[in-house]
Protein backbone atom coordinates (compact mmCIF):
# COMPACT_ATOMS: atom_id res chain seq x y z
CA MET A 1 96.03 75.37 167.04
CA SER A 2 97.34 76.22 170.48
CA LYS A 3 95.99 75.06 173.82
CA LEU A 4 94.66 77.10 176.72
CA HIS A 5 95.41 76.50 180.39
CA ILE A 6 91.70 76.93 181.22
CA LYS A 7 88.52 75.29 179.98
CA LYS A 8 84.83 76.07 179.80
CA GLY A 9 83.29 75.80 183.28
CA ASP A 10 86.47 76.66 185.22
CA LEU A 11 86.43 79.31 187.95
CA VAL A 12 89.03 81.99 187.14
CA GLU A 13 90.25 85.29 188.56
CA VAL A 14 91.33 88.27 186.45
CA ILE A 15 94.93 89.22 187.39
CA SER A 16 95.35 92.49 185.49
CA GLY A 17 93.37 95.23 183.79
CA VAL A 18 90.21 97.11 184.74
CA SER A 19 88.45 93.98 186.07
CA LYS A 20 91.43 92.92 188.24
CA GLY A 21 90.38 90.75 191.18
CA SER A 22 87.04 89.72 189.67
CA ARG A 23 86.16 86.04 189.76
CA GLY A 24 83.77 84.25 187.46
CA LYS A 25 82.97 81.07 185.60
CA VAL A 26 84.29 80.62 182.05
CA MET A 27 81.33 80.56 179.68
CA GLU A 28 83.31 80.16 176.46
CA ALA A 29 86.96 79.54 175.57
CA SER A 30 88.52 80.26 172.19
CA PRO A 31 91.96 78.64 171.83
CA ALA A 32 92.48 80.03 168.32
CA ASP A 33 92.08 83.63 169.54
CA GLN A 34 93.57 83.00 173.01
CA GLN A 35 90.46 84.58 174.57
CA VAL A 36 87.83 83.59 177.12
CA ILE A 37 84.41 84.97 178.02
CA ILE A 38 83.79 85.10 181.76
CA GLU A 39 80.36 85.38 183.38
CA GLY A 40 79.86 88.87 184.89
CA VAL A 41 83.34 90.17 184.00
CA HIS A 42 84.26 92.82 181.36
CA LEU A 43 80.68 93.82 180.54
CA VAL A 44 80.39 95.72 177.26
CA SER A 45 77.43 97.66 175.87
CA LYS A 46 75.84 96.12 172.79
CA HIS A 47 73.30 98.07 170.71
CA VAL A 48 70.46 95.76 169.67
CA LYS A 49 67.83 96.55 167.02
CA PRO A 50 64.34 95.14 167.44
CA ARG A 51 63.85 92.16 165.10
CA ASN A 52 60.04 92.23 165.21
CA ALA A 53 57.17 94.13 166.86
CA GLN A 54 57.30 92.09 170.08
CA GLN A 55 61.06 92.35 170.64
CA ALA A 56 62.39 95.53 172.22
CA GLY A 57 65.57 97.19 171.03
CA GLY A 58 68.05 99.09 173.15
CA ILE A 59 71.42 98.84 174.80
CA VAL A 60 72.24 95.46 176.35
CA LYS A 61 75.17 94.68 178.67
CA ALA A 62 76.97 91.49 177.63
CA PRO A 63 80.27 89.94 178.75
CA GLY A 64 83.11 90.63 176.34
CA PRO A 65 86.23 88.56 175.66
CA VAL A 66 89.29 88.70 177.93
CA ARG A 67 92.79 87.60 176.92
CA ALA A 68 93.58 84.18 178.40
CA CYS A 69 96.95 85.39 179.70
CA LYS A 70 95.11 87.90 181.92
CA VAL A 71 93.26 85.24 183.94
CA MET A 72 94.40 82.62 186.44
CA LEU A 73 92.65 79.42 187.42
CA VAL A 74 91.15 79.16 190.93
CA CYS A 75 91.65 75.72 192.50
CA PRO A 76 88.31 74.15 193.52
CA LYS A 77 89.94 72.44 196.55
CA CYS A 78 92.04 75.22 198.18
CA SER A 79 90.31 78.28 196.57
CA LYS A 80 93.66 79.89 195.67
CA THR A 81 94.72 81.17 192.27
CA THR A 82 97.17 78.68 190.90
CA ARG A 83 99.27 77.78 187.93
CA VAL A 84 98.12 74.66 186.14
CA GLY A 85 100.27 71.57 186.05
CA ARG A 86 99.61 68.57 183.84
CA ARG A 87 100.32 64.94 184.60
CA VAL A 88 99.61 61.50 183.20
CA LEU A 89 98.06 59.07 185.69
CA ALA A 90 98.99 55.38 185.97
CA ASP A 91 96.03 54.33 183.81
CA GLY A 92 97.17 56.67 181.00
CA THR A 93 94.60 59.46 181.45
CA LYS A 94 95.79 63.05 181.40
CA THR A 95 94.73 65.41 184.18
CA ARG A 96 95.43 68.91 185.49
CA TYR A 97 96.56 69.59 189.04
CA CYS A 98 96.98 72.50 191.46
CA LYS A 99 100.58 73.55 192.06
CA HIS A 100 99.69 74.65 195.64
CA CYS A 101 97.80 71.69 197.09
CA ASN A 102 98.88 69.07 194.48
CA GLU A 103 95.25 67.91 193.98
CA ASN A 104 93.91 66.72 190.62
CA PHE A 105 90.90 68.42 189.04
């Protein structure tokens, strides 16, 4: 199982493709497939059948998966897209840091 450079809840920006430049929060990350689902980015049409008399059917817009290599993390401190660095702190905990401002997050 491989690791991703982003996690659920991170703010990311799409760096290539149709949705280039779009920013959004990661709703779901799938390390096995190397894909992420981003809120409000790469909306796909999903045809839904009504399950009962009260539920309406129709076409629903839902966010689709985006390849993890097509997104870049946005630093919460400096608001720039950044590559992720990893370091081990003095107490032994692992953390990620921004390569621009050198801040842990």
